[in-house]
Amino acid sequence: MSELNEIGRSYNCDKSDIYHEWMGETYFDIYEKYFSRLKETEINLLELGVRNASSLRTWASYFKKATIHGIDIDPASKIYQTPQFQIHTASQDDEAKLIALSQMVGGWNIVIDDASHINTLTVKSFYTLISQIKSGGLYIIEDLRNSYEDLSEDAKSWDGMNYNDSSVSFKNERKVIDELVMDIIKNIDYRQGNIRSIHFHQQIIVLEKI
């Protein structure tokens, strides 16, 4: 078991549970492959979607020198803030707030999107934040199984989803994600754009910034 996975389990983070594991490999096992080179460095990390902050606690324990921020649409998430990380109330598609926070910290080494899992919002966050990723930094999109699904019923029980604008449809169309991915791949093949590589894992995409 990876160190990151052990830390995550100690905080009961769902990134290490059976719903986020395949072939004996959890999200945290995957992430350690990418994060280990950054473990002892001063980095800026942003996670979209806070919930109970168990993953923020995990990042804070793993990255001892990191500046860590979380964003959640649910104001109740603020109660989980600690001296190790800051939590901000905003929607993941609030471009002004995302850019302002990014500029305040001077850009990100790691961004993890574990927010609404609504494809249109996922794509908007990506296009807003990718320019704020530092060279060699990582942009991660989680829980892509949801990208195929109509979340209209499931999302009713998810914390904070009622704060989304009424115009947001919870009925996902996978083509929204596919179009994003194919645009990135095409740019890589033509040796253009700002993404060096794209990596696919179970329910996860990891993008490396040039």
N, C-alpha and C. Protein backbone atom coordinates (compact mmCIF):
# COMPACT_ATOMS: atom_id res chain seq x y z
N MET A 1 0.84 -1.19 0.00
CA MET A 1 0.00 0.00 0.00
C MET A 1 0.88 1.26 0.00
N SER A 2 0.53 2.22 -0.82
CA SER A 2 1.31 3.45 -0.91
C SER A 2 1.16 4.28 0.37
N GLU A 3 2.15 5.13 0.60
CA GLU A 3 2.09 6.02 1.76
C GLU A 3 0.87 6.92 1.70
N LEU A 4 0.60 7.45 0.52
CA LEU A 4 -0.53 8.35 0.36
C LEU A 4 -1.85 7.63 0.66
N ASN A 5 -1.94 6.38 0.24
CA ASN A 5 -3.14 5.60 0.51
C ASN A 5 -3.31 5.36 2.01
N GLU A 6 -2.23 5.09 2.68
CA GLU A 6 -2.30 4.87 4.13
C GLU A 6 -2.78 6.13 4.85
N ILE A 7 -2.25 7.28 4.43
CA ILE A 7 -2.68 8.54 5.04
C ILE A 7 -4.16 8.78 4.76
N GLY A 8 -4.57 8.56 3.51
CA GLY A 8 -5.97 8.76 3.15
C GLY A 8 -6.91 7.89 3.95
N ARG A 9 -6.53 6.65 4.16
CA ARG A 9 -7.37 5.75 4.95
C ARG A 9 -7.46 6.20 6.39
N SER A 10 -6.39 6.77 6.92
CA SER A 10 -6.41 7.24 8.30
C SER A 10 -7.41 8.37 8.50
N TYR A 11 -7.73 9.08 7.40
CA TYR A 11 -8.72 10.15 7.46
C TYR A 11 -10.07 9.70 6.89
N ASN A 12 -10.21 8.41 6.62
CA ASN A 12 -11.45 7.86 6.05
C ASN A 12 -11.85 8.57 4.75
N CYS A 13 -10.85 8.87 3.94
CA CYS A 13 -11.12 9.54 2.66
C CYS A 13 -11.62 8.52 1.63
N ASP A 14 -12.66 8.90 0.91
CA ASP A 14 -13.26 7.95 -0.03
C ASP A 14 -12.38 7.67 -1.24
N LYS A 15 -11.31 8.41 -1.45
CA LYS A 15 -10.42 8.13 -2.57
C LYS A 15 -9.67 6.81 -2.39
N SER A 16 -9.79 6.23 -1.20
CA SER A 16 -9.14 4.94 -0.95
C SER A 16 -10.15 3.82 -0.72
N ASP A 17 -11.45 4.08 -0.95
CA ASP A 17 -12.44 3.02 -0.67
C ASP A 17 -12.67 2.14 -1.90
N ILE A 18 -13.55 1.17 -1.76
CA ILE A 18 -13.76 0.17 -2.81
C ILE A 18 -14.39 0.76 -4.07
N TYR A 19 -15.04 1.90 -3.94
CA TYR A 19 -15.68 2.53 -5.09
C TYR A 19 -14.68 3.34 -5.93
N HIS A 20 -13.49 3.52 -5.38
CA HIS A 20 -12.44 4.27 -6.08
C HIS A 20 -11.18 3.41 -6.22
N GLU A 21 -11.39 2.12 -6.38
CA GLU A 21 -10.29 1.15 -6.50
C GLU A 21 -10.61 0.17 -7.62
N TRP A 22 -9.57 -0.19 -8.34
CA TRP A 22 -9.72 -1.19 -9.40
C TRP A 22 -8.41 -1.94 -9.55
N MET A 23 -8.50 -3.24 -9.63
CA MET A 23 -7.32 -4.08 -9.78
C MET A 23 -6.31 -3.82 -8.67
N GLY A 24 -6.82 -3.60 -7.46
CA GLY A 24 -5.96 -3.40 -6.31
C GLY A 24 -5.31 -2.04 -6.22
N GLU A 25 -5.76 -1.08 -7.04
CA GLU A 25 -5.15 0.25 -7.09
C GLU A 25 -6.20 1.32 -6.83
N THR A 26 -6.01 2.12 -5.77
CA THR A 26 -6.92 3.20 -5.45
C THR A 26 -6.48 4.49 -6.12
N TYR A 27 -7.32 5.53 -5.99
CA TYR A 27 -6.93 6.85 -6.49
C TYR A 27 -5.59 7.27 -5.89
N PHE A 28 -5.44 7.07 -4.58
CA PHE A 28 -4.21 7.51 -3.91
C PHE A 28 -2.99 6.75 -4.42
N ASP A 29 -3.16 5.47 -4.72
CA ASP A 29 -2.04 4.71 -5.28
C ASP A 29 -1.62 5.31 -6.62
N ILE A 30 -2.60 5.69 -7.42
CA ILE A 30 -2.32 6.33 -8.71
C ILE A 30 -1.61 7.66 -8.50
N TYR A 31 -2.14 8.45 -7.59
CA TYR A 31 -1.61 9.79 -7.38
C TYR A 31 -0.16 9.78 -6.88
N GLU A 32 0.17 8.80 -6.06
CA GLU A 32 1.54 8.80 -5.53
C GLU A 32 2.57 8.68 -6.65
N LYS A 33 2.21 8.03 -7.74
CA LYS A 33 3.12 7.91 -8.86
C LYS A 33 3.47 9.29 -9.45
N TYR A 34 2.51 10.19 -9.38
CA TYR A 34 2.70 11.53 -9.93
C TYR A 34 3.18 12.53 -8.88
N PHE A 35 2.76 12.31 -7.64
CA PHE A 35 3.00 13.30 -6.59
C PHE A 35 4.32 13.12 -5.86
N SER A 36 4.90 11.94 -5.91
CA SER A 36 6.08 11.66 -5.08
C SER A 36 7.24 12.62 -5.36
N ARG A 37 7.39 13.04 -6.61
CA ARG A 37 8.49 13.95 -6.98
C ARG A 37 8.29 15.34 -6.37
N LEU A 38 7.06 15.63 -5.95
CA LEU A 38 6.74 16.95 -5.41
C LEU A 38 6.61 16.96 -3.89
N LYS A 39 6.75 15.79 -3.29
CA LYS A 39 6.42 15.63 -1.87
C LYS A 39 7.18 16.59 -0.96
N GLU A 40 8.45 16.78 -1.21
CA GLU A 40 9.29 17.59 -0.32
C GLU A 40 9.52 19.00 -0.85
N THR A 41 8.72 19.40 -1.81
CA THR A 41 8.91 20.73 -2.40
C THR A 41 7.77 21.67 -1.98
N GLU A 42 8.01 22.95 -2.14
CA GLU A 42 6.99 23.95 -1.84
C GLU A 42 6.07 24.09 -3.04
N ILE A 43 4.86 23.60 -2.89
CA ILE A 43 3.91 23.62 -4.00
C ILE A 43 2.60 24.29 -3.57
N ASN A 44 1.82 24.66 -4.58
CA ASN A 44 0.47 25.16 -4.37
C ASN A 44 -0.50 24.12 -4.92
N LEU A 45 -1.45 23.71 -4.09
CA LEU A 45 -2.42 22.68 -4.47
C LEU A 45 -3.82 23.21 -4.27
N LEU A 46 -4.67 22.97 -5.25
CA LEU A 46 -6.08 23.36 -5.19
C LEU A 46 -6.94 22.14 -5.44
N GLU A 47 -7.93 21.94 -4.57
CA GLU A 47 -8.93 20.89 -4.82
C GLU A 47 -10.30 21.54 -4.95
N LEU A 48 -10.98 21.24 -6.04
CA LEU A 48 -12.36 21.67 -6.24
C LEU A 48 -13.27 20.59 -5.66
N GLY A 49 -14.09 20.96 -4.71
CA GLY A 49 -14.93 20.01 -4.01
C GLY A 49 -14.28 19.62 -2.69
N VAL A 50 -14.88 20.04 -1.59
CA VAL A 50 -14.27 19.83 -0.28
C VAL A 50 -14.96 18.74 0.52
N ARG A 51 -16.28 18.76 0.51
CA ARG A 51 -17.09 17.84 1.30
C ARG A 51 -16.67 17.92 2.78
N ASN A 52 -16.13 16.85 3.35
CA ASN A 52 -15.73 16.86 4.76
C ASN A 52 -14.24 17.13 4.95
N ALA A 53 -13.57 17.53 3.87
CA ALA A 53 -12.15 17.92 3.89
C ALA A 53 -11.20 16.77 4.20
N SER A 54 -11.65 15.53 4.09
CA SER A 54 -10.74 14.40 4.36
C SER A 54 -9.59 14.34 3.37
N SER A 55 -9.84 14.72 2.13
CA SER A 55 -8.74 14.71 1.15
C SER A 55 -7.80 15.89 1.39
N LEU A 56 -8.32 17.04 1.80
CA LEU A 56 -7.45 18.17 2.13
C LEU A 56 -6.53 17.81 3.30
N ARG A 57 -7.05 17.10 4.26
CA ARG A 57 -6.22 16.65 5.38
C ARG A 57 -5.14 15.68 4.90
N THR A 58 -5.51 14.86 3.95
CA THR A 58 -4.54 13.92 3.38
C THR A 58 -3.42 14.66 2.68
N TRP A 59 -3.77 15.63 1.84
CA TRP A 59 -2.73 16.39 1.13
C TRP A 59 -1.84 17.12 2.12
N ALA A 60 -2.43 17.69 3.17
CA ALA A 60 -1.64 18.44 4.15
C ALA A 60 -0.66 17.55 4.90
N SER A 61 -1.05 16.30 5.13
CA SER A 61 -0.15 15.37 5.83
C SER A 61 0.95 14.85 4.91
N TYR A 62 0.66 14.74 3.63
CA TYR A 62 1.62 14.20 2.67
C TYR A 62 2.60 15.28 2.20
N PHE A 63 2.05 16.44 1.83
CA PHE A 63 2.88 17.55 1.34
C PHE A 63 3.15 18.51 2.49
N LYS A 64 4.24 18.30 3.19
CA LYS A 64 4.54 19.08 4.39
C LYS A 64 4.81 20.55 4.09
N LYS A 65 5.25 20.86 2.87
CA LYS A 65 5.63 22.23 2.53
C LYS A 65 4.61 22.90 1.59
N ALA A 66 3.46 22.30 1.43
CA ALA A 66 2.49 22.79 0.45
C ALA A 66 1.61 23.90 1.02
N THR A 67 1.17 24.77 0.12
CA THR A 67 0.09 25.71 0.38
C THR A 67 -1.16 25.11 -0.25
N ILE A 68 -2.16 24.85 0.57
CA ILE A 68 -3.31 24.05 0.12
C ILE A 68 -4.60 24.86 0.26
N HIS A 69 -5.38 24.84 -0.81
CA HIS A 69 -6.67 25.52 -0.83
C HIS A 69 -7.75 24.56 -1.35
N GLY A 70 -8.95 24.73 -0.83
CA GLY A 70 -10.10 23.99 -1.34
C GLY A 70 -11.22 24.96 -1.68
N ILE A 71 -12.00 24.60 -2.68
CA ILE A 71 -13.16 25.40 -3.07
C ILE A 71 -14.38 24.50 -3.06
N ASP A 72 -15.46 25.00 -2.47
CA ASP A 72 -16.71 24.25 -2.46
C ASP A 72 -17.88 25.23 -2.56
N ILE A 73 -18.91 24.81 -3.26
CA ILE A 73 -20.09 25.66 -3.43
C ILE A 73 -20.92 25.73 -2.16
N ASP A 74 -20.73 24.75 -1.27
CA ASP A 74 -21.51 24.65 -0.03
C ASP A 74 -20.82 25.47 1.07
N PRO A 75 -21.46 26.54 1.57
CA PRO A 75 -20.84 27.35 2.63
C PRO A 75 -20.52 26.55 3.88
N ALA A 76 -21.24 25.45 4.11
CA ALA A 76 -21.01 24.64 5.32
C ALA A 76 -19.62 24.02 5.33
N SER A 77 -18.99 23.90 4.17
CA SER A 77 -17.66 23.29 4.11
C SER A 77 -16.61 24.11 4.84
N LYS A 78 -16.88 25.39 5.04
CA LYS A 78 -15.91 26.28 5.71
C LYS A 78 -15.58 25.82 7.12
N ILE A 79 -16.48 25.08 7.74
CA ILE A 79 -16.25 24.66 9.14
C ILE A 79 -15.07 23.71 9.25
N TYR A 80 -14.65 23.12 8.14
CA TYR A 80 -13.56 22.15 8.16
C TYR A 80 -12.18 22.79 7.98
N GLN A 81 -12.16 24.10 7.80
CA GLN A 81 -10.87 24.77 7.59
C GLN A 81 -9.97 24.62 8.82
N THR A 82 -8.69 24.44 8.56
CA THR A 82 -7.69 24.31 9.62
C THR A 82 -6.51 25.22 9.28
N PRO A 83 -5.55 25.37 10.18
CA PRO A 83 -4.35 26.15 9.85
C PRO A 83 -3.55 25.55 8.70
N GLN A 84 -3.80 24.27 8.35
CA GLN A 84 -3.04 23.61 7.29
C GLN A 84 -3.62 23.88 5.90
N PHE A 85 -4.85 24.33 5.81
CA PHE A 85 -5.46 24.61 4.50
C PHE A 85 -6.60 25.60 4.64
N GLN A 86 -6.84 26.33 3.54
CA GLN A 86 -7.94 27.30 3.49
C GLN A 86 -9.06 26.77 2.60
N ILE A 87 -10.28 27.08 2.99
CA ILE A 87 -11.46 26.67 2.23
C ILE A 87 -12.23 27.91 1.81
N HIS A 88 -12.58 27.98 0.52
CA HIS A 88 -13.28 29.13 -0.04
C HIS A 88 -14.64 28.69 -0.58
N THR A 89 -15.63 29.52 -0.41
CA THR A 89 -16.97 29.22 -0.91
C THR A 89 -17.16 29.82 -2.29
N ALA A 90 -17.33 28.95 -3.27
CA ALA A 90 -17.54 29.39 -4.65
C ALA A 90 -17.96 28.20 -5.49
N SER A 91 -18.65 28.48 -6.57
CA SER A 91 -18.95 27.44 -7.55
C SER A 91 -17.71 27.17 -8.39
N GLN A 92 -17.58 25.96 -8.87
CA GLN A 92 -16.42 25.64 -9.69
C GLN A 92 -16.44 26.33 -11.04
N ASP A 93 -17.56 26.95 -11.39
CA ASP A 93 -17.60 27.67 -12.66
C ASP A 93 -17.56 29.19 -12.45
N ASP A 94 -17.19 29.61 -11.24
CA ASP A 94 -17.05 31.03 -10.96
C ASP A 94 -15.66 31.49 -11.41
N GLU A 95 -15.59 31.89 -12.66
CA GLU A 95 -14.30 32.22 -13.27
C GLU A 95 -13.56 33.31 -12.52
N ALA A 96 -14.27 34.33 -12.11
CA ALA A 96 -13.62 35.46 -11.43
C ALA A 96 -12.96 35.02 -10.13
N LYS A 97 -13.64 34.22 -9.34
CA LYS A 97 -13.08 33.78 -8.07
C LYS A 97 -11.93 32.80 -8.27
N LEU A 98 -12.05 31.92 -9.25
CA LEU A 98 -10.98 30.96 -9.52
C LEU A 98 -9.71 31.68 -9.97
N ILE A 99 -9.87 32.65 -10.84
CA ILE A 99 -8.70 33.40 -11.32
C ILE A 99 -8.10 34.25 -10.21
N ALA A 100 -8.94 34.88 -9.41
CA ALA A 100 -8.44 35.72 -8.32
C ALA A 100 -7.63 34.90 -7.32
N LEU A 101 -8.14 33.73 -6.95
CA LEU A 101 -7.42 32.87 -6.01
C LEU A 101 -6.12 32.37 -6.62
N SER A 102 -6.17 32.00 -7.89
CA SER A 102 -4.97 31.52 -8.58
C SER A 102 -3.89 32.58 -8.61
N GLN A 103 -4.27 33.80 -8.90
CA GLN A 103 -3.30 34.89 -8.96
C GLN A 103 -2.78 35.24 -7.57
N MET A 104 -3.62 35.08 -6.56
CA MET A 104 -3.20 35.37 -5.20
C MET A 104 -2.05 34.46 -4.76
N VAL A 105 -2.13 33.17 -5.14
CA VAL A 105 -1.09 32.22 -4.72
C VAL A 105 0.06 32.14 -5.71
N GLY A 106 -0.14 32.69 -6.91
CA GLY A 106 0.92 32.65 -7.92
C GLY A 106 0.89 31.42 -8.79
N GLY A 107 -0.30 30.81 -8.94
CA GLY A 107 -0.45 29.64 -9.80
C GLY A 107 -0.38 28.35 -9.01
N TRP A 108 -0.72 27.24 -9.70
CA TRP A 108 -0.86 25.93 -9.05
C TRP A 108 0.11 24.90 -9.61
N ASN A 109 0.59 24.04 -8.73
CA ASN A 109 1.35 22.86 -9.17
C ASN A 109 0.43 21.67 -9.36
N ILE A 110 -0.65 21.62 -8.59
CA ILE A 110 -1.63 20.54 -8.69
C ILE A 110 -3.03 21.11 -8.54
N VAL A 111 -3.91 20.76 -9.45
CA VAL A 111 -5.35 21.03 -9.31
C VAL A 111 -6.09 19.71 -9.46
N ILE A 112 -6.98 19.45 -8.53
CA ILE A 112 -7.79 18.22 -8.54
C ILE A 112 -9.25 18.61 -8.59
N ASP A 113 -9.96 18.19 -9.62
CA ASP A 113 -11.38 18.48 -9.74
C ASP A 113 -12.19 17.28 -9.22
N ASP A 114 -12.66 17.43 -7.98
CA ASP A 114 -13.56 16.45 -7.37
C ASP A 114 -14.84 17.17 -6.94
N ALA A 115 -15.30 18.06 -7.79
CA ALA A 115 -16.43 18.92 -7.44
C ALA A 115 -17.76 18.30 -7.86
N SER A 116 -18.48 18.96 -8.75
CA SER A 116 -19.87 18.57 -9.03
C SER A 116 -20.01 17.29 -9.85
N HIS A 117 -19.00 16.98 -10.66
CA HIS A 117 -19.07 15.87 -11.63
C HIS A 117 -20.13 16.13 -12.71
N ILE A 118 -20.47 17.38 -12.87
CA ILE A 118 -21.33 17.80 -13.97
C ILE A 118 -20.43 18.22 -15.13
N ASN A 119 -20.58 17.54 -16.25
CA ASN A 119 -19.61 17.69 -17.34
C ASN A 119 -19.40 19.13 -17.79
N THR A 120 -20.48 19.87 -17.93
CA THR A 120 -20.34 21.25 -18.41
C THR A 120 -19.53 22.09 -17.43
N LEU A 121 -19.72 21.86 -16.14
CA LEU A 121 -18.97 22.60 -15.12
C LEU A 121 -17.53 22.13 -15.05
N THR A 122 -17.33 20.83 -15.23
CA THR A 122 -15.97 20.27 -15.24
C THR A 122 -15.14 20.90 -16.35
N VAL A 123 -15.73 21.00 -17.53
CA VAL A 123 -15.01 21.57 -18.68
C VAL A 123 -14.74 23.06 -18.47
N LYS A 124 -15.72 23.77 -17.91
CA LYS A 124 -15.51 25.20 -17.70
C LYS A 124 -14.38 25.44 -16.69
N SER A 125 -14.35 24.64 -15.63
CA SER A 125 -13.26 24.77 -14.64
C SER A 125 -11.91 24.53 -15.30
N PHE A 126 -11.85 23.50 -16.14
CA PHE A 126 -10.59 23.19 -16.81
C PHE A 126 -10.10 24.37 -17.64
N TYR A 127 -10.97 24.90 -18.48
CA TYR A 127 -10.54 26.00 -19.35
C TYR A 127 -10.21 27.27 -18.56
N THR A 128 -10.83 27.44 -17.41
CA THR A 128 -10.51 28.58 -16.56
C THR A 128 -9.15 28.42 -15.88
N LEU A 129 -8.87 27.22 -15.40
CA LEU A 129 -7.71 27.01 -14.54
C LEU A 129 -6.44 26.53 -15.24
N ILE A 130 -6.56 25.96 -16.44
CA ILE A 130 -5.37 25.37 -17.05
C ILE A 130 -4.29 26.42 -17.28
N SER A 131 -4.69 27.65 -17.54
CA SER A 131 -3.69 28.71 -17.74
C SER A 131 -3.02 29.10 -16.43
N GLN A 132 -3.60 28.68 -15.31
CA GLN A 132 -3.06 29.02 -13.99
C GLN A 132 -2.18 27.90 -13.42
N ILE A 133 -1.97 26.85 -14.20
CA ILE A 133 -1.10 25.74 -13.78
C ILE A 133 0.34 26.08 -14.15
N LYS A 134 1.25 25.85 -13.22
CA LYS A 134 2.67 26.12 -13.48
C LYS A 134 3.25 25.07 -14.43
N SER A 135 4.37 25.40 -15.04
CA SER A 135 5.05 24.45 -15.94
C SER A 135 5.37 23.16 -15.19
N GLY A 136 5.01 22.03 -15.79
CA GLY A 136 5.22 20.74 -15.15
C GLY A 136 4.15 20.37 -14.16
N GLY A 137 3.18 21.26 -13.97
CA GLY A 137 2.10 21.00 -13.03
C GLY A 137 1.07 20.02 -13.56
N LEU A 138 0.18 19.60 -12.67
CA LEU A 138 -0.80 18.55 -12.99
C LEU A 138 -2.22 19.05 -12.81
N TYR A 139 -3.09 18.69 -13.75
CA TYR A 139 -4.53 18.95 -13.65
C TYR A 139 -5.22 17.61 -13.70
N ILE A 140 -6.01 17.31 -12.67
CA ILE A 140 -6.62 15.99 -12.53
C ILE A 140 -8.14 16.13 -12.49
N ILE A 141 -8.82 15.31 -13.26
CA ILE A 141 -10.28 15.23 -13.24
C ILE A 141 -10.67 13.86 -12.72
N GLU A 142 -11.48 13.85 -11.68
CA GLU A 142 -11.86 12.61 -11.00
C GLU A 142 -13.27 12.14 -11.34
N ASP A 143 -13.51 10.87 -11.01
CA ASP A 143 -14.85 10.27 -10.99
C ASP A 143 -15.55 10.36 -12.35
N LEU A 144 -14.82 10.00 -13.39
CA LEU A 144 -15.35 10.13 -14.75
C LEU A 144 -16.42 9.09 -15.08
N ARG A 145 -16.62 8.14 -14.21
CA ARG A 145 -17.77 7.25 -14.40
C ARG A 145 -19.06 8.08 -14.41
N ASN A 146 -19.10 9.12 -13.60
CA ASN A 146 -20.29 9.97 -13.55
C ASN A 146 -20.53 10.72 -14.85
N SER A 147 -19.51 10.85 -15.67
CA SER A 147 -19.64 11.64 -16.90
C SER A 147 -20.57 10.99 -17.92
N TYR A 148 -20.92 9.72 -17.69
CA TYR A 148 -21.84 9.02 -18.58
C TYR A 148 -23.28 9.07 -18.07
N GLU A 149 -23.48 9.60 -16.89
CA GLU A 149 -24.73 9.36 -16.16
C GLU A 149 -25.59 10.61 -16.01
N ASP A 150 -26.89 10.37 -15.94
CA ASP A 150 -27.85 11.40 -15.55
C ASP A 150 -27.85 11.45 -14.03
N LEU A 151 -27.34 12.55 -13.48
CA LEU A 151 -27.19 12.67 -12.03
C LEU A 151 -28.34 13.43 -11.38
N SER A 152 -29.43 13.60 -12.10
CA SER A 152 -30.53 14.41 -11.60
C SER A 152 -31.06 13.91 -10.26
N GLU A 153 -31.12 12.60 -10.07
CA GLU A 153 -31.61 12.04 -8.81
C GLU A 153 -30.49 11.88 -7.80
N ASP A 154 -29.36 11.31 -8.23
CA ASP A 154 -28.25 11.07 -7.30
C ASP A 154 -27.77 12.37 -6.65
N ALA A 155 -27.71 13.43 -7.43
CA ALA A 155 -27.14 14.68 -6.93
C ALA A 155 -28.00 15.33 -5.85
N LYS A 156 -29.26 14.91 -5.75
CA LYS A 156 -30.12 15.48 -4.71
C LYS A 156 -29.60 15.18 -3.31
N SER A 157 -28.87 14.08 -3.18
CA SER A 157 -28.34 13.69 -1.87
C SER A 157 -26.89 14.13 -1.65
N TRP A 158 -26.31 14.82 -2.64
CA TRP A 158 -24.92 15.27 -2.54
C TRP A 158 -24.88 16.65 -1.89
N ASP A 159 -24.02 16.79 -0.91
CA ASP A 159 -23.90 18.05 -0.19
C ASP A 159 -23.62 19.21 -1.14
N GLY A 160 -24.43 20.26 -1.03
CA GLY A 160 -24.17 21.49 -1.74
C GLY A 160 -24.69 21.58 -3.15
N MET A 161 -25.15 20.48 -3.72
CA MET A 161 -25.57 20.53 -5.13
C MET A 161 -26.76 21.45 -5.34
N ASN A 162 -27.54 21.68 -4.30
CA ASN A 162 -28.70 22.57 -4.40
C ASN A 162 -28.28 24.04 -4.56
N TYR A 163 -27.00 24.33 -4.36
CA TYR A 163 -26.52 25.70 -4.53
C TYR A 163 -26.18 26.02 -5.98
N ASN A 164 -26.17 25.03 -6.85
CA ASN A 164 -25.88 25.29 -8.25
C ASN A 164 -27.00 26.11 -8.88
N ASP A 165 -26.63 26.90 -9.86
CA ASP A 165 -27.62 27.71 -10.57
C ASP A 165 -28.69 26.81 -11.19
N SER A 166 -29.91 27.27 -11.18
CA SER A 166 -31.03 26.47 -11.69
C SER A 166 -30.90 26.14 -13.17
N SER A 167 -30.06 26.89 -13.88
CA SER A 167 -29.88 26.64 -15.31
C SER A 167 -28.95 25.45 -15.58
N VAL A 168 -28.24 24.97 -14.55
CA VAL A 168 -27.29 23.87 -14.73
C VAL A 168 -28.05 22.55 -14.82
N SER A 169 -27.81 21.83 -15.90
CA SER A 169 -28.42 20.51 -16.07
C SER A 169 -27.54 19.43 -15.47
N PHE A 170 -28.15 18.56 -14.66
CA PHE A 170 -27.42 17.45 -14.06
C PHE A 170 -27.44 16.21 -14.94
N LYS A 171 -28.02 16.33 -16.10
CA LYS A 171 -28.08 15.22 -17.04
C LYS A 171 -26.84 15.27 -17.93
N ASN A 172 -25.83 14.50 -17.57
CA ASN A 172 -24.56 14.54 -18.29
C ASN A 172 -24.66 13.94 -19.68
N GLU A 173 -23.93 14.53 -20.59
CA GLU A 173 -23.71 13.95 -21.91
C GLU A 173 -22.22 13.71 -22.05
N ARG A 174 -21.82 12.46 -22.20
CA ARG A 174 -20.40 12.10 -22.22
C ARG A 174 -19.64 12.83 -23.32
N LYS A 175 -20.32 13.17 -24.40
CA LYS A 175 -19.62 13.81 -25.52
C LYS A 175 -18.95 15.12 -25.10
N VAL A 176 -19.45 15.75 -24.03
CA VAL A 176 -18.85 16.99 -23.55
C VAL A 176 -17.41 16.74 -23.08
N ILE A 177 -17.21 15.65 -22.36
CA ILE A 177 -15.86 15.27 -21.92
C ILE A 177 -15.04 14.74 -23.09
N ASP A 178 -15.66 13.94 -23.94
CA ASP A 178 -14.94 13.38 -25.09
C ASP A 178 -14.39 14.47 -26.00
N GLU A 179 -15.18 15.52 -26.20
CA GLU A 179 -14.73 16.62 -27.04
C GLU A 179 -13.52 17.32 -26.43
N LEU A 180 -13.55 17.50 -25.11
CA LEU A 180 -12.40 18.10 -24.42
C LEU A 180 -11.16 17.23 -24.60
N VAL A 181 -11.31 15.95 -24.36
CA VAL A 181 -10.18 15.02 -24.45
C VAL A 181 -9.62 14.97 -25.86
N MET A 182 -10.49 14.90 -26.85
CA MET A 182 -10.02 14.81 -28.23
C MET A 182 -9.33 16.09 -28.68
N ASP A 183 -9.79 17.23 -28.20
CA ASP A 183 -9.11 18.49 -28.52
C ASP A 183 -7.70 18.49 -27.94
N ILE A 184 -7.57 17.99 -26.71
CA ILE A 184 -6.25 17.94 -26.08
C ILE A 184 -5.33 16.98 -26.84
N ILE A 185 -5.84 15.81 -27.17
CA ILE A 185 -5.03 14.83 -27.90
C ILE A 185 -4.61 15.38 -29.26
N LYS A 186 -5.53 16.04 -29.95
CA LYS A 186 -5.19 16.61 -31.26
C LYS A 186 -4.08 17.64 -31.13
N ASN A 187 -4.18 18.49 -30.11
CA ASN A 187 -3.13 19.50 -29.91
C ASN A 187 -1.78 18.85 -29.61
N ILE A 188 -1.79 17.79 -28.82
CA ILE A 188 -0.53 17.09 -28.53
C ILE A 188 0.04 16.50 -29.81
N ASP A 189 -0.81 15.87 -30.61
CA ASP A 189 -0.34 15.26 -31.86
C ASP A 189 0.22 16.30 -32.83
N TYR A 190 -0.35 17.49 -32.79
CA TYR A 190 0.14 18.57 -33.66
C TYR A 190 1.22 19.41 -33.00
N ARG A 191 1.64 18.95 -31.79
CA ARG A 191 2.70 19.63 -31.04
C ARG A 191 2.38 21.11 -30.83
N GLN A 192 1.16 21.33 -30.33
CA GLN A 192 0.72 22.69 -30.04
C GLN A 192 -0.10 22.68 -28.75
N GLY A 193 -0.47 23.86 -28.30
CA GLY A 193 -1.22 23.96 -27.05
C GLY A 193 -0.30 23.97 -25.85
N ASN A 194 -0.89 23.78 -24.66
CA ASN A 194 -0.12 23.89 -23.42
C ASN A 194 -0.14 22.62 -22.57
N ILE A 195 -0.56 21.50 -23.15
CA ILE A 195 -0.58 20.23 -22.44
C ILE A 195 0.50 19.31 -23.01
N ARG A 196 1.40 18.85 -22.14
CA ARG A 196 2.47 17.96 -22.58
C ARG A 196 1.98 16.53 -22.78
N SER A 197 1.13 16.07 -21.85
CA SER A 197 0.69 14.67 -21.91
C SER A 197 -0.64 14.50 -21.20
N ILE A 198 -1.35 13.43 -21.56
CA ILE A 198 -2.62 13.08 -20.94
C ILE A 198 -2.56 11.60 -20.58
N HIS A 199 -2.96 11.28 -19.37
CA HIS A 199 -2.87 9.91 -18.86
C HIS A 199 -4.26 9.46 -18.38
N PHE A 200 -4.62 8.24 -18.74
CA PHE A 200 -5.93 7.71 -18.38
C PHE A 200 -5.78 6.59 -17.34
N HIS A 201 -6.55 6.69 -16.28
CA HIS A 201 -6.63 5.66 -15.25
C HIS A 201 -8.11 5.40 -14.97
N GLN A 202 -8.39 4.42 -14.12
CA GLN A 202 -9.79 4.15 -13.82
C GLN A 202 -10.46 5.38 -13.20
N GLN A 203 -11.42 5.93 -13.95
CA GLN A 203 -12.23 7.07 -13.54
C GLN A 203 -11.45 8.39 -13.42
N ILE A 204 -10.22 8.43 -13.89
CA ILE A 204 -9.36 9.60 -13.69
C ILE A 204 -8.64 9.96 -14.99
N ILE A 205 -8.50 11.27 -15.23
CA ILE A 205 -7.60 11.79 -16.25
C ILE A 205 -6.56 12.65 -15.54
N VAL A 206 -5.29 12.45 -15.88
CA VAL A 206 -4.20 13.27 -15.36
C VAL A 206 -3.53 13.99 -16.53
N LEU A 207 -3.51 15.31 -16.46
CA LEU A 207 -2.92 16.13 -17.52
C LEU A 207 -1.68 16.82 -16.99
N GLU A 208 -0.61 16.83 -17.79
CA GLU A 208 0.63 17.49 -17.40
C GLU A 208 0.81 18.73 -18.25
N LYS A 209 1.01 19.85 -17.60
CA LYS A 209 1.17 21.13 -18.28
C LYS A 209 2.59 21.29 -18.80
N ILE A 210 2.73 21.88 -19.98
CA ILE A 210 4.06 22.21 -20.52
C ILE A 210 4.70 23.29 -19.67
